[in-house]
Amino acid sequence: MTARIERVVTEGVVDIDGTEHKVENNTWIIGDDDEVIVIDPARDAEAILEQVGEREVLAVICTHGLPDHVGAAIEVASRDEAVIALHPKDKPIWRETWSETWPDIDMEDDGAFGVADVTLEVMETPGITMGGVSLYVEGLNAVFTGKSLLADGPGKLGGEYPALADQLTAIGGRLFTLPHRTRVLAAHGDEVTIGDLEPHFDDWISGSLTRPGGGAAAEEEGPLADGTRAAGIRLNLGDD
């Protein structure tokens, strides 16, 4: 059967200094009527598994290890004894959510996963985290970019860019080499295409993202747009 892509939007509330902020995360499901792969299982395992239905979960793939994106990983995977895949450089971050477990598969650049009639190709896209990856599905003209690239540009972590040079290198050298019609399916927000975003790349590398007033769209959403600052994570961008 022909593979298709489905989205589950999960919500959570975080409290900072007595003020509550609603955070939304995208979980993506790719597969057919029989089998699926779940990408970035955030927060609500029940909602994700309801969308999956009776289909078999072959794998749970985490494009990064940040807590508000892996919170449902164990429960979603355990139902069908599916494997969990994560880049090894994000294992320390994973442990802040799941202190007594490890992912089953260490993803590597140019690795691949198969489901239904399509292949998901692993592309290393570090920057937000050292182990960040994207998953390109040529057969469906789509790329799952995690937090590396969102509809309004490069993603942030708690309102900041942890390693912007690495992030822009990955975006320009990997993601923007894909066909312009490729759908960008990120961990937050709506979808766009590579062709929508690529014309802005020169502005990004010239410093528009970090100049005062830059990235206005993200600032309007507030510092908790991605939920990570509230999670209190301790991000170590080193290799150890």
Protein backbone atom coordinates (compact mmCIF):
# COMPACT_ATOMS: atom_id res chain seq x y z
CA MET A 1 0.00 0.00 0.00
CA THR A 2 1.06 3.58 -0.57
CA ALA A 3 2.58 5.32 2.44
CA ARG A 4 1.06 8.50 3.80
CA ILE A 5 1.96 11.05 6.47
CA GLU A 6 -0.23 11.99 9.43
CA ARG A 7 0.27 14.59 12.15
CA VAL A 8 -0.71 14.46 15.82
CA VAL A 9 -0.51 17.77 17.70
CA THR A 10 -0.04 17.33 21.42
CA GLU A 11 -0.30 20.09 23.98
CA GLY A 12 1.24 20.71 27.35
CA VAL A 13 1.18 23.47 29.95
CA VAL A 14 4.30 24.73 31.68
CA ASP A 15 4.47 27.17 34.59
CA ILE A 16 7.14 29.83 34.77
CA ASP A 17 7.08 32.31 37.65
CA GLY A 18 3.38 31.69 38.17
CA THR A 19 2.44 32.17 34.53
CA GLU A 20 1.16 29.24 32.48
CA HIS A 21 2.23 28.77 28.86
CA LYS A 22 0.69 26.34 26.41
CA VAL A 23 3.14 24.46 24.23
CA GLU A 24 2.29 22.48 21.10
CA ASN A 25 4.41 19.73 19.57
CA ASN A 26 4.08 17.83 16.31
CA THR A 27 4.35 14.06 16.27
CA TRP A 28 4.49 12.56 12.78
CA ILE A 29 3.24 9.14 11.73
CA ILE A 30 4.34 7.67 8.40
CA GLY A 31 3.14 4.38 6.98
CA ASP A 32 0.16 2.63 5.44
CA ASP A 33 -2.88 0.72 6.70
CA ASP A 34 -0.72 -2.02 8.23
CA GLU A 35 2.49 -0.54 9.63
CA VAL A 36 3.89 2.83 10.71
CA ILE A 37 6.91 4.63 12.05
CA VAL A 38 6.33 7.29 14.71
CA ILE A 39 8.58 10.37 14.65
CA ASP A 40 9.13 12.61 17.71
CA PRO A 41 6.54 11.13 20.11
CA ALA A 42 5.72 14.11 22.30
CA ARG A 43 3.87 14.12 25.61
CA ASP A 44 0.63 12.23 24.99
CA ALA A 45 1.11 8.56 24.16
CA GLU A 46 -2.63 7.92 24.30
CA ALA A 47 -3.37 10.47 21.58
CA ILE A 48 -0.55 9.16 19.40
CA LEU A 49 -1.59 5.53 19.74
CA GLU A 50 -5.21 6.45 19.08
CA GLN A 51 -4.12 7.86 15.73
CA VAL A 52 -1.99 4.78 15.04
CA GLY A 53 -4.95 2.54 15.76
CA GLU A 54 -4.44 -1.16 15.09
CA ARG A 55 -1.47 -0.61 12.81
CA GLU A 56 1.88 -2.03 13.93
CA VAL A 57 4.48 0.45 15.16
CA LEU A 58 7.76 -0.70 13.62
CA ALA A 59 9.97 2.01 15.09
CA VAL A 60 9.95 5.22 17.08
CA ILE A 61 12.46 7.70 15.68
CA CYS A 62 13.57 10.74 17.69
CA THR A 63 15.11 13.52 15.62
CA HIS A 64 16.66 14.78 18.87
CA GLY A 65 16.56 13.96 22.56
CA LEU A 66 14.88 17.03 24.05
CA PRO A 67 12.37 16.18 26.76
CA ASP A 68 9.19 17.63 25.32
CA HIS A 69 9.71 15.55 22.14
CA VAL A 70 10.58 12.14 23.62
CA GLY A 71 8.16 12.11 26.53
CA ALA A 72 5.91 9.46 24.98
CA ALA A 73 8.65 7.40 23.34
CA ILE A 74 8.73 4.48 25.75
CA GLU A 75 4.97 4.00 25.96
CA VAL A 76 4.44 4.30 22.20
CA ALA A 77 7.26 1.87 21.43
CA SER A 78 6.37 -0.67 24.10
CA ARG A 79 2.89 -1.40 22.78
CA ASP A 80 4.27 -3.31 19.78
CA GLU A 81 7.81 -3.84 21.10
CA ALA A 82 9.08 -1.38 18.53
CA VAL A 83 12.67 -0.16 18.47
CA ILE A 84 13.58 3.40 19.46
CA ALA A 85 16.20 5.22 17.39
CA LEU A 86 18.26 8.26 18.43
CA HIS A 87 21.60 9.72 17.43
CA PRO A 88 24.21 8.66 20.03
CA LYS A 89 25.31 12.25 20.66
CA ASP A 90 21.87 12.97 22.13
CA LYS A 91 21.97 10.11 24.63
CA PRO A 92 22.93 12.40 27.55
CA ILE A 93 19.87 14.57 26.86
CA TRP A 94 17.66 11.49 26.51
CA ARG A 95 18.76 10.38 29.99
CA GLU A 96 17.30 13.54 31.51
CA THR A 97 13.86 12.22 30.56
CA TRP A 98 14.48 8.46 30.70
CA SER A 99 17.13 7.91 33.36
CA GLU A 100 16.99 4.11 33.33
CA THR A 101 16.66 3.33 29.62
CA TRP A 102 18.63 3.69 26.42
CA PRO A 103 17.40 3.85 22.82
CA ASP A 104 17.73 0.60 20.85
CA ILE A 105 19.35 2.03 17.72
CA ASP A 106 22.17 4.56 17.36
CA MET A 107 21.35 6.46 14.19
CA GLU A 108 24.14 7.48 11.85
CA ASP A 109 24.35 9.82 8.88
CA ASP A 110 23.07 8.20 5.68
CA GLY A 111 21.33 5.44 7.63
CA ALA A 112 17.88 4.36 6.47
CA PHE A 113 14.57 3.04 7.76
CA GLY A 114 11.87 1.42 5.67
CA VAL A 115 8.11 1.45 6.16
CA ALA A 116 5.35 0.53 3.69
CA ASP A 117 6.76 1.48 0.28
CA VAL A 118 9.09 4.33 1.30
CA THR A 119 12.54 4.85 2.81
CA LEU A 120 13.50 7.40 5.46
CA GLU A 121 17.08 8.59 4.94
CA VAL A 122 18.94 9.90 8.00
CA MET A 123 20.65 13.29 7.58
CA GLU A 124 22.72 14.69 10.43
CA THR A 125 21.54 18.25 11.11
CA PRO A 126 23.15 19.33 14.40
CA GLY A 127 22.87 22.76 15.96
CA ILE A 128 19.95 22.67 18.36
CA THR A 129 21.54 19.52 19.75
CA MET A 130 24.73 17.79 18.70
CA GLY A 131 22.78 14.69 17.71
CA GLY A 132 19.99 16.37 15.79
CA VAL A 133 18.93 14.62 12.60
CA SER A 134 16.42 15.09 9.79
CA LEU A 135 14.66 12.29 7.90
CA TYR A 136 14.25 12.65 4.14
CA VAL A 137 11.54 10.67 2.37
CA GLU A 138 12.10 11.13 -1.35
CA GLY A 139 9.08 9.02 -2.24
CA LEU A 140 6.74 11.45 -0.49
CA ASN A 141 8.65 14.68 -1.21
CA ALA A 142 9.02 15.33 2.52
CA VAL A 143 11.70 15.91 5.13
CA PHE A 144 11.13 15.68 8.88
CA THR A 145 13.39 18.38 10.31
CA GLY A 146 12.77 18.16 14.05
CA LYS A 147 13.83 21.47 15.55
CA SER A 148 16.56 22.17 12.99
CA LEU A 149 14.32 24.06 10.57
CA LEU A 150 10.81 25.38 11.23
CA ALA A 151 8.29 27.24 9.08
CA ASP A 152 9.70 30.59 10.22
CA GLY A 153 13.37 29.62 9.94
CA PRO A 154 16.01 27.90 12.06
CA GLY A 155 14.60 26.55 15.30
CA LYS A 156 15.65 27.83 18.70
CA LEU A 157 16.22 26.25 22.08
CA GLY A 158 14.67 28.26 24.90
CA GLY A 159 14.66 31.37 22.70
CA GLU A 160 18.33 31.05 21.74
CA TYR A 161 20.56 29.37 19.14
CA PRO A 162 22.93 26.98 20.97
CA ALA A 163 25.23 26.47 17.97
CA LEU A 164 23.98 28.62 15.12
CA ALA A 165 27.00 28.12 12.86
CA ASP A 166 26.56 24.34 12.96
CA GLN A 167 22.83 24.70 12.46
CA LEU A 168 23.18 26.94 9.40
CA THR A 169 25.86 24.67 7.95
CA ALA A 170 23.48 21.73 8.23
CA ILE A 171 20.57 23.68 6.77
CA GLY A 172 22.55 25.02 3.83
CA GLY A 173 24.66 21.95 3.18
CA ARG A 174 22.01 19.28 3.65
CA LEU A 175 18.42 20.53 3.77
CA PHE A 176 18.68 23.20 1.10
CA THR A 177 20.16 20.71 -1.34
CA LEU A 178 16.79 18.95 -1.45
CA PRO A 179 14.27 19.72 -4.23
CA HIS A 180 12.36 22.96 -3.70
CA ARG A 181 9.04 21.12 -3.65
CA THR A 182 10.09 19.09 -0.59
CA ARG A 183 7.69 19.52 2.33
CA VAL A 184 9.34 20.64 5.57
CA LEU A 185 7.63 18.82 8.45
CA ALA A 186 9.04 20.13 11.71
CA ALA A 187 8.56 19.38 15.41
CA HIS A 188 6.61 22.61 15.88
CA GLY A 189 4.25 24.63 13.72
CA ASP A 190 2.88 24.31 10.21
CA GLU A 191 4.55 22.91 7.12
CA VAL A 192 6.30 24.85 4.38
CA THR A 193 8.55 23.79 1.51
CA ILE A 194 12.27 23.99 0.99
CA GLY A 195 11.53 26.44 -1.81
CA ASP A 196 9.68 28.73 0.60
CA LEU A 197 12.63 28.95 2.98
CA GLU A 198 15.76 28.71 0.84
CA PRO A 199 15.59 32.34 -0.44
CA HIS A 200 16.05 33.56 3.16
CA PHE A 201 19.31 31.69 3.70
CA ASP A 202 21.62 34.53 2.64
CA ASP A 203 19.96 36.80 5.20
CA TRP A 204 20.39 34.20 7.91
CA ILE A 205 24.10 33.72 7.27
CA SER A 206 24.60 37.48 7.09
CA GLY A 207 23.43 37.80 10.70
CA SER A 208 19.73 38.68 10.49
CA LEU A 209 18.81 36.03 13.07
CA THR A 210 20.95 37.51 15.83
CA ARG A 211 20.66 41.23 15.10
CA PRO A 212 18.36 43.24 17.41
CA GLY A 213 14.86 42.81 16.09
CA GLY A 214 15.81 39.70 14.12
CA GLY A 215 13.58 36.66 14.27
CA ALA A 216 10.54 38.77 15.14
CA ALA A 217 8.06 36.01 14.43
CA ALA A 218 9.65 33.73 16.98
CA GLU A 219 9.85 36.46 19.60
CA GLU A 220 6.15 37.23 19.27
CA GLU A 221 5.41 33.65 20.32
CA GLY A 222 7.32 34.17 23.55
CA PRO A 223 10.36 32.42 25.00
CA LEU A 224 8.48 29.18 25.66
CA ALA A 225 7.35 28.55 22.11
CA ASP A 226 9.26 25.27 22.09
CA GLY A 227 8.81 24.35 25.74
CA THR A 228 12.45 23.61 26.37
CA ARG A 229 13.30 26.45 28.70
CA ALA A 230 10.51 25.36 31.03
CA ALA A 231 11.75 21.79 30.96
CA GLY A 232 14.88 22.88 32.81
CA ILE A 233 17.18 20.78 30.65
CA ARG A 234 20.94 20.96 31.01
CA LEU A 235 22.26 20.91 27.48
CA ASN A 236 25.91 19.98 27.01
CA LEU A 237 26.96 20.56 23.42
CA GLY A 238 30.24 18.73 23.94
CA ASP A 239 30.86 15.29 22.56
CA ASP A 240 31.13 13.54 25.93
